[in-house]
Amino acid sequence: MPPAGIQRADWVSLDALVVCAPGVPSTWQDALHHDWGLGRVQASDRPVDTAARTIEIRVGTLPPAPAGVVTREVTLPDGAAPVQVLGDELWLGGHLHMQLGAHLSVLTCAPQGAAQDLWALAFTEAHRAAGWVPLHAALIAGRGGVVAITGPSGAGKTTACLRLRAAGWTVLAEDRAWIGPDGRAAGLDRTLRALDDSLARFAPELLLDGPGIRRDARGKRLLPLTVPPVSLPLTAVLLLGHPGPLGAADRVREFWQATGVPLGTSGQQAVSGAAQRLVRTVPWRPADRQELMTLIPELLGSPLPAPP
C-alpha cells in the first residue's frame, strides 16, 4: 500500500506504483506519466497495492548534503549536472534529492522544479535500484519473446525498426529498452525517430505531411509509437556493427556500453548481478541490417497477433 498520507497515483512505471504527495503540480505529474508511465491504474481492475514497489514523489526543500558525499559530473543529453552520492542517497543538480531502495524510492523535488533530463536520471536510478536494467537498444517482439538490437549510434537500429515493423513485427522500443529482474523486457519510447529518406524507402505511408508533424533537433520525424501492454522474456541480443564473434569479455563490455554505470549502491549491486545473468544466459551475436530480416523470424517464430 502507499505510505500513510500519500495520495494514490493513477499510473505505473515498469513494475512500480508512482504516488505523488499533495502539492506536486499536476503539470509535473502529466509530464512524468508521459515519459515514464506504462499505463493508468484503474480502481475497478487493478488494486494499487498489487504493484511490486513504490516510487514516491514529493515537493519541498531538499535536505543538505552531509560531509563525506562524493561529487561527480554526470553527462546528460542536454548538458551536464553535478551529482552528489552517499550510498543510496543522491542529490541531482541541486533540484532533486533521492533515497533509493529496492521496494521504495523517495524523490523530493525543489519547488522551482527540475529539468526533464534530471527527472529521467532520477527515474532511471529508482528503477535500477529495483533490479531493472536500461539498455540503449531497440526491442522487437514476437510470439517467441523479445530480441534486443543494440550498437553504436548510426549502426542502423531505426532503419531496422522500420523494416521489421513493415514486415509485421512489433516494435516495443527504439532505444529506451528495459530488462526486468525476471528477464522480461519492456519499452518506454513514445516515438520512433526517422529521417525522411529512411521513411521513403521502408515506410512511405508515414511520409504524409500535416500540421501535426513533429521533428527533433536533428530533423528526424517523431512518429507516434504505440507500445502494446505485453511483457515477454528477452531471448537474444543482436549487435549491429560488431566485426566478429563475441567472447565473454566482449559481451560484458558491450553490456556496460549499452546500459551505463548506476550511481546508487543498490543499483550498482543489482545491475552487476544482472550483467552476469544476461551475458551468460542470453545469446549475444553480431548481425548486420540485412541479416536481421532472417534472424528475427528464426529467434521469435512469428509476429504477435494484431490487436483487436
C-alpha atoms as a PDB file:
ATOM      1  CA  MET A   1       0.000   0.000   0.000  1.00  0.00           C
ATOM      2  CA  PRO A   2       1.164   3.604  -0.474  1.00  0.00           C
ATOM      3  CA  PRO A   3       2.721   5.174   2.630  1.00  0.00           C
ATOM      4  CA  ALA A   4       0.315   6.894   5.028  1.00  0.00           C
ATOM      5  CA  GLY A   5      -0.536  10.438   3.980  1.00  0.00           C
ATOM      6  CA  ILE A   6       0.367   9.899   0.343  1.00  0.00           C
ATOM      7  CA  GLN A   7      -2.286  10.168  -2.339  1.00  0.00           C
ATOM      8  CA  ARG A   8      -2.769   7.134  -4.557  1.00  0.00           C
ATOM      9  CA  ALA A   9      -1.422   7.734  -8.024  1.00  0.00           C
ATOM     10  CA  ASP A  10      -3.145   6.622 -11.186  1.00  0.00           C
ATOM     11  CA  TRP A  11      -0.198   5.286 -13.142  1.00  0.00           C
ATOM     12  CA  VAL A  12       2.579   2.740 -13.044  1.00  0.00           C
ATOM     13  CA  SER A  13       6.151   2.835 -14.324  1.00  0.00           C
ATOM     14  CA  LEU A  14       7.529  -0.602 -15.172  1.00  0.00           C
ATOM     15  CA  ASP A  15       6.559  -2.572 -12.028  1.00  0.00           C
ATOM     16  CA  ALA A  16       6.419   0.459  -9.697  1.00  0.00           C
ATOM     17  CA  LEU A  17       3.373   2.326  -8.475  1.00  0.00           C
ATOM     18  CA  VAL A  18       4.057   6.068  -8.654  1.00  0.00           C
ATOM     19  CA  VAL A  19       2.451   8.072  -5.851  1.00  0.00           C
ATOM     20  CA  CYS A  20       2.553  11.845  -5.504  1.00  0.00           C
ATOM     21  CA  ALA A  21       2.295  13.807  -2.282  1.00  0.00           C
ATOM     22  CA  PRO A  22      -0.136  16.725  -2.010  1.00  0.00           C
ATOM     23  CA  GLY A  23       1.391  19.802  -3.609  1.00  0.00           C
ATOM     24  CA  VAL A  24       3.103  18.085  -6.534  1.00  0.00           C
ATOM     25  CA  PRO A  25       1.891  20.142  -9.538  1.00  0.00           C
ATOM     26  CA  SER A  26      -0.372  18.346 -11.988  1.00  0.00           C
ATOM     27  CA  THR A  27       1.853  19.551 -14.844  1.00  0.00           C
ATOM     28  CA  TRP A  28       4.775  17.640 -13.340  1.00  0.00           C
ATOM     29  CA  GLN A  29       2.639  14.540 -12.942  1.00  0.00           C
ATOM     30  CA  ASP A  30       1.383  14.711 -16.532  1.00  0.00           C
ATOM     31  CA  ALA A  31       4.904  15.149 -17.926  1.00  0.00           C
ATOM     32  CA  LEU A  32       6.299  12.278 -15.854  1.00  0.00           C
ATOM     33  CA  HIS A  33       3.435   9.991 -16.792  1.00  0.00           C
ATOM     34  CA  HIS A  34       4.019  10.748 -20.474  1.00  0.00           C
ATOM     35  CA  ASP A  35       7.741   9.980 -20.235  1.00  0.00           C
ATOM     36  CA  TRP A  36       7.689   7.098 -17.739  1.00  0.00           C
ATOM     37  CA  GLY A  37       4.190   5.659 -17.478  1.00  0.00           C
ATOM     38  CA  LEU A  38       3.245   2.255 -18.832  1.00  0.00           C
ATOM     39  CA  GLY A  39      -0.447   2.600 -18.074  1.00  0.00           C
ATOM     40  CA  ARG A  40      -3.008   4.050 -15.743  1.00  0.00           C
ATOM     41  CA  VAL A  41      -4.233   2.291 -12.631  1.00  0.00           C
ATOM     42  CA  GLN A  42      -7.971   1.673 -12.788  1.00  0.00           C
ATOM     43  CA  ALA A  43      -9.543   1.186  -9.375  1.00  0.00           C
ATOM     44  CA  SER A  44     -12.024  -1.289 -10.859  1.00  0.00           C
ATOM     45  CA  ASP A  45      -9.499  -3.735 -12.264  1.00  0.00           C
ATOM     46  CA  ARG A  46      -6.080  -3.097 -10.712  1.00  0.00           C
ATOM     47  CA  PRO A  47      -5.791  -2.572  -6.964  1.00  0.00           C
ATOM     48  CA  VAL A  48      -2.932  -0.199  -6.307  1.00  0.00           C
ATOM     49  CA  ASP A  49      -1.389  -2.468  -3.675  1.00  0.00           C
ATOM     50  CA  THR A  50      -0.565  -5.108  -6.320  1.00  0.00           C
ATOM     51  CA  ALA A  51       2.446  -3.115  -7.537  1.00  0.00           C
ATOM     52  CA  ALA A  52       5.778  -4.693  -6.672  1.00  0.00           C
ATOM     53  CA  ARG A  53       7.213  -1.451  -5.303  1.00  0.00           C
ATOM     54  CA  THR A  54       6.599   2.272  -4.950  1.00  0.00           C
ATOM     55  CA  ILE A  55       8.192   5.452  -6.268  1.00  0.00           C
ATOM     56  CA  GLU A  56       7.059   8.346  -4.094  1.00  0.00           C
ATOM     57  CA  ILE A  57       7.320  11.927  -5.375  1.00  0.00           C
ATOM     58  CA  ARG A  58       7.347  14.905  -3.042  1.00  0.00           C
ATOM     59  CA  VAL A  59       7.959  18.635  -3.393  1.00  0.00           C
ATOM     60  CA  GLY A  60       9.827  20.645  -0.781  1.00  0.00           C
ATOM     61  CA  THR A  61      13.154  21.892   0.491  1.00  0.00           C
ATOM     62  CA  LEU A  62      15.972  19.441  -0.170  1.00  0.00           C
ATOM     63  CA  PRO A  63      17.953  18.130   2.795  1.00  0.00           C
ATOM     64  CA  PRO A  64      21.544  19.380   2.848  1.00  0.00           C
ATOM     65  CA  ALA A  65      24.238  17.006   1.674  1.00  0.00           C
ATOM     66  CA  PRO A  66      26.335  15.841   4.638  1.00  0.00           C
ATOM     67  CA  ALA A  67      30.082  15.650   4.818  1.00  0.00           C
ATOM     68  CA  GLY A  68      31.517  12.674   3.005  1.00  0.00           C
ATOM     69  CA  VAL A  69      29.408  12.812  -0.144  1.00  0.00           C
ATOM     70  CA  VAL A  70      31.111  12.099  -3.448  1.00  0.00           C
ATOM     71  CA  THR A  71      30.502  14.759  -6.097  1.00  0.00           C
ATOM     72  CA  ARG A  72      30.738  13.915  -9.766  1.00  0.00           C
ATOM     73  CA  GLU A  73      29.742  15.469 -13.069  1.00  0.00           C
ATOM     74  CA  VAL A  74      27.153  13.415 -14.945  1.00  0.00           C
ATOM     75  CA  THR A  75      26.726  13.879 -18.687  1.00  0.00           C
ATOM     76  CA  LEU A  76      23.094  14.271 -19.765  1.00  0.00           C
ATOM     77  CA  PRO A  77      21.576  14.637 -23.256  1.00  0.00           C
ATOM     78  CA  ASP A  78      21.210  18.408 -22.845  1.00  0.00           C
ATOM     79  CA  GLY A  79      24.384  19.096 -20.878  1.00  0.00           C
ATOM     80  CA  ALA A  80      25.980  18.044 -17.614  1.00  0.00           C
ATOM     81  CA  ALA A  81      24.904  18.236 -13.978  1.00  0.00           C
ATOM     82  CA  PRO A  82      26.695  17.873 -10.638  1.00  0.00           C
ATOM     83  CA  VAL A  83      25.527  14.830  -8.686  1.00  0.00           C
ATOM     84  CA  GLN A  84      26.334  14.063  -5.056  1.00  0.00           C
ATOM     85  CA  VAL A  85      26.253  10.447  -3.916  1.00  0.00           C
ATOM     86  CA  LEU A  86      26.267   8.867  -0.462  1.00  0.00           C
ATOM     87  CA  GLY A  87      25.338   5.201  -0.742  1.00  0.00           C
ATOM     88  CA  ASP A  88      21.708   5.177  -1.869  1.00  0.00           C
ATOM     89  CA  GLU A  89      21.154   8.872  -1.210  1.00  0.00           C
ATOM     90  CA  LEU A  90      21.553  11.199  -4.209  1.00  0.00           C
ATOM     91  CA  TRP A  91      21.397  14.951  -4.810  1.00  0.00           C
ATOM     92  CA  LEU A  92      20.857  15.776  -8.500  1.00  0.00           C
ATOM     93  CA  GLY A  93      21.905  19.189  -9.748  1.00  0.00           C
ATOM     94  CA  GLY A  94      20.572  20.971  -6.674  1.00  0.00           C
ATOM     95  CA  HIS A  95      16.981  20.274  -7.797  1.00  0.00           C
ATOM     96  CA  LEU A  96      16.234  16.683  -6.784  1.00  0.00           C
ATOM     97  CA  HIS A  97      17.006  14.536  -3.754  1.00  0.00           C
ATOM     98  CA  MET A  98      16.602  10.760  -3.796  1.00  0.00           C
ATOM     99  CA  GLN A  99      16.538   7.999  -1.225  1.00  0.00           C
ATOM    100  CA  LEU A 100      16.761   4.764  -3.183  1.00  0.00           C
ATOM    101  CA  GLY A 101      15.533   1.332  -2.221  1.00  0.00           C
ATOM    102  CA  ALA A 102      14.507  -1.948  -3.823  1.00  0.00           C
ATOM    103  CA  HIS A 103      10.891  -1.575  -2.625  1.00  0.00           C
ATOM    104  CA  LEU A 104      10.560   2.172  -2.033  1.00  0.00           C
ATOM    105  CA  SER A 105      12.360   5.115  -3.605  1.00  0.00           C
ATOM    106  CA  VAL A 106      11.512   8.648  -2.468  1.00  0.00           C
ATOM    107  CA  LEU A 107      12.136  11.553  -4.879  1.00  0.00           C
ATOM    108  CA  THR A 108      11.930  15.082  -3.486  1.00  0.00           C
ATOM    109  CA  CYS A 109      11.964  17.988  -5.940  1.00  0.00           C
ATOM    110  CA  ALA A 110      12.676  21.606  -5.070  1.00  0.00           C
ATOM    111  CA  PRO A 111       9.656  23.916  -5.521  1.00  0.00           C
ATOM    112  CA  GLN A 112      11.141  25.506  -8.652  1.00  0.00           C
ATOM    113  CA  GLY A 113      11.072  22.136 -10.410  1.00  0.00           C
ATOM    114  CA  ALA A 114      13.714  20.200 -12.331  1.00  0.00           C
ATOM    115  CA  ALA A 115      14.695  19.726 -15.962  1.00  0.00           C
ATOM    116  CA  GLN A 116      13.441  16.717 -17.898  1.00  0.00           C
ATOM    117  CA  ASP A 117      16.957  15.239 -18.001  1.00  0.00           C
ATOM    118  CA  LEU A 118      17.223  15.294 -14.201  1.00  0.00           C
ATOM    119  CA  TRP A 119      13.838  13.616 -13.792  1.00  0.00           C
ATOM    120  CA  ALA A 120      14.971  10.992 -16.304  1.00  0.00           C
ATOM    121  CA  LEU A 121      18.122  10.356 -14.293  1.00  0.00           C
ATOM    122  CA  ALA A 122      16.055  10.103 -11.102  1.00  0.00           C
ATOM    123  CA  PHE A 123      13.606   7.551 -12.517  1.00  0.00           C
ATOM    124  CA  THR A 124      16.457   5.592 -14.080  1.00  0.00           C
ATOM    125  CA  GLU A 125      18.223   5.306 -10.721  1.00  0.00           C
ATOM    126  CA  ALA A 126      14.971   4.350  -8.964  1.00  0.00           C
ATOM    127  CA  HIS A 127      14.348   1.528 -11.436  1.00  0.00           C
ATOM    128  CA  ARG A 128      17.964   0.376 -11.298  1.00  0.00           C
ATOM    129  CA  ALA A 129      17.754   0.096  -7.511  1.00  0.00           C
ATOM    130  CA  ALA A 130      14.974  -2.470  -8.003  1.00  0.00           C
ATOM    131  CA  GLY A 131      16.998  -4.557 -10.450  1.00  0.00           C
ATOM    132  CA  TRP A 132      15.814  -3.141 -13.776  1.00  0.00           C
ATOM    133  CA  VAL A 133      18.460  -2.677 -16.477  1.00  0.00           C
ATOM    134  CA  PRO A 134      18.176   0.107 -19.072  1.00  0.00           C
ATOM    135  CA  LEU A 135      19.620  -0.694 -22.484  1.00  0.00           C
ATOM    136  CA  HIS A 136      20.262   1.679 -25.363  1.00  0.00           C
ATOM    137  CA  ALA A 137      18.607  -0.790 -27.697  1.00  0.00           C
ATOM    138  CA  ALA A 138      15.591  -1.426 -29.874  1.00  0.00           C
ATOM    139  CA  LEU A 139      13.171  -4.143 -28.787  1.00  0.00           C
ATOM    140  CA  ILE A 140      11.354  -6.333 -31.300  1.00  0.00           C
ATOM    141  CA  ALA A 141       8.593  -8.623 -30.018  1.00  0.00           C
ATOM    142  CA  GLY A 142       7.094 -11.797 -31.458  1.00  0.00           C
ATOM    143  CA  ARG A 143       5.343 -14.904 -30.219  1.00  0.00           C
ATOM    144  CA  GLY A 144       8.669 -16.346 -29.063  1.00  0.00           C
ATOM    145  CA  GLY A 145       9.705 -13.394 -26.877  1.00  0.00           C
ATOM    146  CA  VAL A 146      11.740 -10.239 -27.406  1.00  0.00           C
ATOM    147  CA  VAL A 147      15.018  -9.550 -29.212  1.00  0.00           C
ATOM    148  CA  ALA A 148      17.146  -6.521 -28.294  1.00  0.00           C
ATOM    149  CA  ILE A 149      19.054  -4.833 -31.127  1.00  0.00           C
ATOM    150  CA  THR A 150      21.900  -2.610 -29.996  1.00  0.00           C
ATOM    151  CA  GLY A 151      25.008  -0.999 -31.413  1.00  0.00           C
ATOM    152  CA  PRO A 152      26.668   2.409 -31.735  1.00  0.00           C
ATOM    153  CA  SER A 153      24.770   5.451 -32.957  1.00  0.00           C
ATOM    154  CA  GLY A 154      24.291   5.250 -36.711  1.00  0.00           C
ATOM    155  CA  ALA A 155      24.548   1.464 -36.809  1.00  0.00           C
ATOM    156  CA  GLY A 156      21.008   1.172 -38.152  1.00  0.00           C
ATOM    157  CA  LYS A 157      18.652   0.499 -35.229  1.00  0.00           C
ATOM    158  CA  THR A 158      15.983   2.890 -36.503  1.00  0.00           C
ATOM    159  CA  THR A 159      16.148   1.506 -40.036  1.00  0.00           C
ATOM    160  CA  ALA A 160      15.854  -1.990 -38.586  1.00  0.00           C
ATOM    161  CA  CYS A 161      12.769  -0.921 -36.618  1.00  0.00           C
ATOM    162  CA  LEU A 162      11.131   0.482 -39.753  1.00  0.00           C
ATOM    163  CA  ARG A 163      11.849  -2.602 -41.852  1.00  0.00           C
ATOM    164  CA  LEU A 164      10.742  -5.045 -39.172  1.00  0.00           C
ATOM    165  CA  ARG A 165       7.640  -3.020 -38.404  1.00  0.00           C
ATOM    166  CA  ALA A 166       6.721  -3.066 -42.096  1.00  0.00           C
ATOM    167  CA  ALA A 167       7.150  -6.859 -42.027  1.00  0.00           C
ATOM    168  CA  GLY A 168       4.609  -7.191 -39.217  1.00  0.00           C
ATOM    169  CA  TRP A 169       6.845  -7.333 -36.140  1.00  0.00           C
ATOM    170  CA  THR A 170       6.036  -5.309 -33.008  1.00  0.00           C
ATOM    171  CA  VAL A 171       8.466  -2.545 -32.031  1.00  0.00           C
ATOM    172  CA  LEU A 172       8.464  -2.187 -28.236  1.00  0.00           C
ATOM    173  CA  ALA A 173      11.294   0.371 -28.136  1.00  0.00           C
ATOM    174  CA  GLU A 174      13.637   2.283 -30.399  1.00  0.00           C
ATOM    175  CA  ASP A 175      16.328   2.929 -27.773  1.00  0.00           C
ATOM    176  CA  ARG A 176      14.639   3.030 -24.332  1.00  0.00           C
ATOM    177  CA  ALA A 177      14.689  -0.685 -23.564  1.00  0.00           C
ATOM    178  CA  TRP A 178      14.363  -2.065 -20.031  1.00  0.00           C
ATOM    179  CA  ILE A 179      15.068  -5.609 -18.825  1.00  0.00           C
ATOM    180  CA  GLY A 180      13.469  -6.615 -15.532  1.00  0.00           C
ATOM    181  CA  PRO A 181      14.980  -8.748 -12.778  1.00  0.00           C
ATOM    182  CA  ASP A 182      12.867 -11.652 -14.065  1.00  0.00           C
ATOM    183  CA  GLY A 183      14.393 -11.331 -17.551  1.00  0.00           C
ATOM    184  CA  ARG A 184      11.289  -9.838 -19.149  1.00  0.00           C
ATOM    185  CA  ALA A 185      11.566  -6.810 -21.424  1.00  0.00           C
ATOM    186  CA  ALA A 186       9.612  -3.556 -21.628  1.00  0.00           C
ATOM    187  CA  GLY A 187       9.929  -0.408 -23.730  1.00  0.00           C
ATOM    188  CA  LEU A 188       9.398   3.200 -22.684  1.00  0.00           C
ATOM    189  CA  ASP A 189       9.713   5.023 -26.013  1.00  0.00           C
ATOM    190  CA  ARG A 190       6.819   7.221 -27.076  1.00  0.00           C
ATOM    191  CA  THR A 191       8.093   7.944 -30.581  1.00  0.00           C
ATOM    192  CA  LEU A 192      10.093   6.375 -33.371  1.00  0.00           C
ATOM    193  CA  ARG A 193      12.566   8.875 -34.848  1.00  0.00           C
ATOM    194  CA  ALA A 194      13.360   8.573 -38.539  1.00  0.00           C
ATOM    195  CA  LEU A 195      14.797  10.594 -41.409  1.00  0.00           C
ATOM    196  CA  ASP A 196      12.611  11.224 -44.421  1.00  0.00           C
ATOM    197  CA  ASP A 197      14.820   9.178 -46.764  1.00  0.00           C
ATOM    198  CA  SER A 198      14.518   6.139 -44.472  1.00  0.00           C
ATOM    199  CA  LEU A 199      10.755   6.538 -44.408  1.00  0.00           C
ATOM    200  CA  ALA A 200      10.652   6.886 -48.184  1.00  0.00           C
ATOM    201  CA  ARG A 201      12.427   3.524 -48.522  1.00  0.00           C
ATOM    202  CA  PHE A 202      10.787   1.484 -45.781  1.00  0.00           C
ATOM    203  CA  ALA A 203       7.562   3.216 -44.700  1.00  0.00           C
ATOM    204  CA  PRO A 204       6.377   5.668 -47.375  1.00  0.00           C
ATOM    205  CA  GLU A 205       2.865   5.656 -45.922  1.00  0.00           C
ATOM    206  CA  LEU A 206       4.258   7.577 -42.924  1.00  0.00           C
ATOM    207  CA  LEU A 207       5.583  10.439 -45.050  1.00  0.00           C
ATOM    208  CA  LEU A 208       2.298  12.325 -45.217  1.00  0.00           C
ATOM    209  CA  ASP A 209       2.790  15.937 -44.146  1.00  0.00           C
ATOM    210  CA  GLY A 210       0.396  17.830 -41.949  1.00  0.00           C
ATOM    211  CA  PRO A 211       0.153  20.347 -39.123  1.00  0.00           C
ATOM    212  CA  GLY A 212       0.854  17.693 -36.513  1.00  0.00           C
ATOM    213  CA  ILE A 213       4.251  16.634 -37.892  1.00  0.00           C
ATOM    214  CA  ARG A 214       6.974  16.981 -35.260  1.00  0.00           C
ATOM    215  CA  ARG A 215      10.748  16.775 -35.687  1.00  0.00           C
ATOM    216  CA  ASP A 216      13.657  16.549 -33.286  1.00  0.00           C
ATOM    217  CA  ALA A 217      16.731  18.802 -33.264  1.00  0.00           C
ATOM    218  CA  ARG A 218      18.368  16.674 -35.983  1.00  0.00           C
ATOM    219  CA  GLY A 219      15.417  16.936 -38.351  1.00  0.00           C
ATOM    220  CA  LYS A 220      14.123  13.412 -37.745  1.00  0.00           C
ATOM    221  CA  ARG A 221      10.394  12.890 -37.743  1.00  0.00           C
ATOM    222  CA  LEU A 222       8.864  11.917 -34.421  1.00  0.00           C
ATOM    223  CA  LEU A 223       6.407   9.155 -35.256  1.00  0.00           C
ATOM    224  CA  PRO A 224       3.988   8.075 -32.506  1.00  0.00           C
ATOM    225  CA  LEU A 225       4.906   4.646 -31.159  1.00  0.00           C
ATOM    226  CA  THR A 226       2.048   2.789 -29.520  1.00  0.00           C
ATOM    227  CA  VAL A 227       3.522   0.099 -27.286  1.00  0.00           C
ATOM    228  CA  PRO A 228       1.164  -2.819 -26.576  1.00  0.00           C
ATOM    229  CA  PRO A 229       0.822  -3.944 -22.942  1.00  0.00           C
ATOM    230  CA  VAL A 230       2.944  -7.064 -23.326  1.00  0.00           C
ATOM    231  CA  SER A 231       5.677  -8.450 -21.096  1.00  0.00           C
ATOM    232  CA  LEU A 232       7.796 -11.086 -22.781  1.00  0.00           C
ATOM    233  CA  PRO A 233      11.171 -12.694 -21.993  1.00  0.00           C
ATOM    234  CA  LEU A 234      14.356 -11.429 -23.597  1.00  0.00           C
ATOM    235  CA  THR A 235      15.536 -14.232 -25.861  1.00  0.00           C
ATOM    236  CA  ALA A 236      18.591 -12.720 -27.610  1.00  0.00           C
ATOM    237  CA  VAL A 237      20.725  -9.607 -28.056  1.00  0.00           C
ATOM    238  CA  LEU A 238      21.884  -8.709 -31.569  1.00  0.00           C
ATOM    239  CA  LEU A 239      24.786  -6.281 -32.059  1.00  0.00           C
ATOM    240  CA  LEU A 240      24.864  -4.140 -35.171  1.00  0.00           C
ATOM    241  CA  GLY A 241      28.274  -3.048 -36.398  1.00  0.00           C
ATOM    242  CA  HIS A 242      30.308  -5.600 -34.436  1.00  0.00           C
ATOM    243  CA  PRO A 243      33.070  -7.092 -36.624  1.00  0.00           C
ATOM    244  CA  GLY A 244      33.295 -10.627 -35.333  1.00  0.00           C
ATOM    245  CA  PRO A 245      32.474 -13.305 -32.762  1.00  0.00           C
ATOM    246  CA  LEU A 246      31.539 -12.210 -29.243  1.00  0.00           C
ATOM    247  CA  GLY A 247      33.583 -13.746 -26.453  1.00  0.00           C
ATOM    248  CA  ALA A 248      32.690 -13.426 -22.775  1.00  0.00           C
ATOM    249  CA  ALA A 249      34.751 -10.255 -22.335  1.00  0.00           C
ATOM    250  CA  ASP A 250      33.173  -8.752 -25.466  1.00  0.00           C
ATOM    251  CA  ARG A 251      29.660  -9.416 -24.141  1.00  0.00           C
ATOM    252  CA  VAL A 252      30.448  -7.822 -20.785  1.00  0.00           C
ATOM    253  CA  ARG A 253      31.954  -4.750 -22.447  1.00  0.00           C
ATOM    254  CA  GLU A 254      29.011  -4.365 -24.836  1.00  0.00           C
ATOM    255  CA  PHE A 255      26.565  -4.745 -21.952  1.00  0.00           C
ATOM    256  CA  TRP A 256      28.107  -1.905 -19.952  1.00  0.00           C
ATOM    257  CA  GLN A 257      28.324   0.312 -23.028  1.00  0.00           C
ATOM    258  CA  ALA A 258      24.609  -0.226 -23.630  1.00  0.00           C
ATOM    259  CA  THR A 259      23.487   0.321 -20.030  1.00  0.00           C
ATOM    260  CA  GLY A 260      25.873   2.771 -18.325  1.00  0.00           C
ATOM    261  CA  VAL A 261      27.025   2.689 -14.697  1.00  0.00           C
ATOM    262  CA  PRO A 262      24.471   3.246 -11.901  1.00  0.00           C
ATOM    263  CA  LEU A 263      25.075   5.943  -9.288  1.00  0.00           C
ATOM    264  CA  GLY A 264      23.445   4.435  -6.194  1.00  0.00           C
ATOM    265  CA  THR A 265      24.820   1.473  -4.253  1.00  0.00           C
ATOM    266  CA  SER A 266      21.673  -0.652  -4.656  1.00  0.00           C
ATOM    267  CA  GLY A 267      21.629  -0.014  -8.389  1.00  0.00           C
ATOM    268  CA  GLN A 268      25.291  -0.911  -8.756  1.00  0.00           C
ATOM    269  CA  GLN A 269      24.772  -4.211  -6.960  1.00  0.00           C
ATOM    270  CA  ALA A 270      21.566  -5.071  -8.817  1.00  0.00           C
ATOM    271  CA  VAL A 271      22.873  -4.205 -12.276  1.00  0.00           C
ATOM    272  CA  SER A 272      26.164  -6.036 -11.668  1.00  0.00           C
ATOM    273  CA  GLY A 273      24.157  -9.165 -10.899  1.00  0.00           C
ATOM    274  CA  ALA A 274      22.011  -8.608 -13.969  1.00  0.00           C
ATOM    275  CA  ALA A 275      25.123  -8.235 -16.114  1.00  0.00           C
ATOM    276  CA  GLN A 276      26.328 -11.679 -15.103  1.00  0.00           C
ATOM    277  CA  ARG A 277      22.903 -13.165 -15.762  1.00  0.00           C
ATOM    278  CA  LEU A 278      22.336 -11.515 -19.139  1.00  0.00           C
ATOM    279  CA  VAL A 279      25.764 -12.177 -20.626  1.00  0.00           C
ATOM    280  CA  ARG A 280      25.727 -15.827 -19.520  1.00  0.00           C
ATOM    281  CA  THR A 281      22.150 -16.936 -20.148  1.00  0.00           C
ATOM    282  CA  VAL A 282      21.004 -14.788 -23.092  1.00  0.00           C
ATOM    283  CA  PRO A 283      22.583 -15.388 -26.535  1.00  0.00           C
ATOM    284  CA  TRP A 284      24.567 -12.427 -27.912  1.00  0.00           C
ATOM    285  CA  ARG A 285      25.599 -12.370 -31.545  1.00  0.00           C
ATOM    286  CA  PRO A 286      26.753  -9.850 -34.157  1.00  0.00           C
ATOM    287  CA  ALA A 287      24.454  -9.090 -37.055  1.00  0.00           C
ATOM    288  CA  ASP A 288      24.161  -6.715 -39.971  1.00  0.00           C
ATOM    289  CA  ARG A 289      20.971  -4.957 -41.010  1.00  0.00           C
ATOM    290  CA  GLN A 290      20.196  -7.396 -43.795  1.00  0.00           C
ATOM    291  CA  GLU A 291      20.639 -10.452 -41.558  1.00  0.00           C
ATOM    292  CA  LEU A 292      18.013  -9.117 -39.161  1.00  0.00           C
ATOM    293  CA  MET A 293      15.233  -9.905 -41.601  1.00  0.00           C
ATOM    294  CA  THR A 294      16.048 -13.627 -41.368  1.00  0.00           C
ATOM    295  CA  LEU A 295      17.361 -13.746 -37.792  1.00  0.00           C
ATOM    296  CA  ILE A 296      14.240 -12.265 -36.208  1.00  0.00           C
ATOM    297  CA  PRO A 297      11.903 -14.994 -37.548  1.00  0.00           C
ATOM    298  CA  GLU A 298      14.437 -17.644 -36.508  1.00  0.00           C
ATOM    299  CA  LEU A 299      14.585 -16.271 -32.960  1.00  0.00           C
ATOM    300  CA  LEU A 300      10.963 -15.219 -32.420  1.00  0.00           C
ATOM    301  CA  GLY A 301       8.927 -17.524 -34.643  1.00  0.00           C
ATOM    302  CA  SER A 302       6.017 -15.434 -35.866  1.00  0.00           C
ATOM    303  CA  PRO A 303       4.780 -11.887 -35.152  1.00  0.00           C
ATOM    304  CA  LEU A 304       2.371 -11.103 -32.345  1.00  0.00           C
ATOM    305  CA  PRO A 305      -1.300 -11.194 -33.323  1.00  0.00           C
ATOM    306  CA  ALA A 306      -2.800  -7.886 -34.367  1.00  0.00           C
ATOM    307  CA  PRO A 307      -4.702  -6.107 -31.581  1.00  0.00           C
ATOM    308  CA  PRO A 308      -8.494  -6.412 -31.785  1.00  0.00           C
END
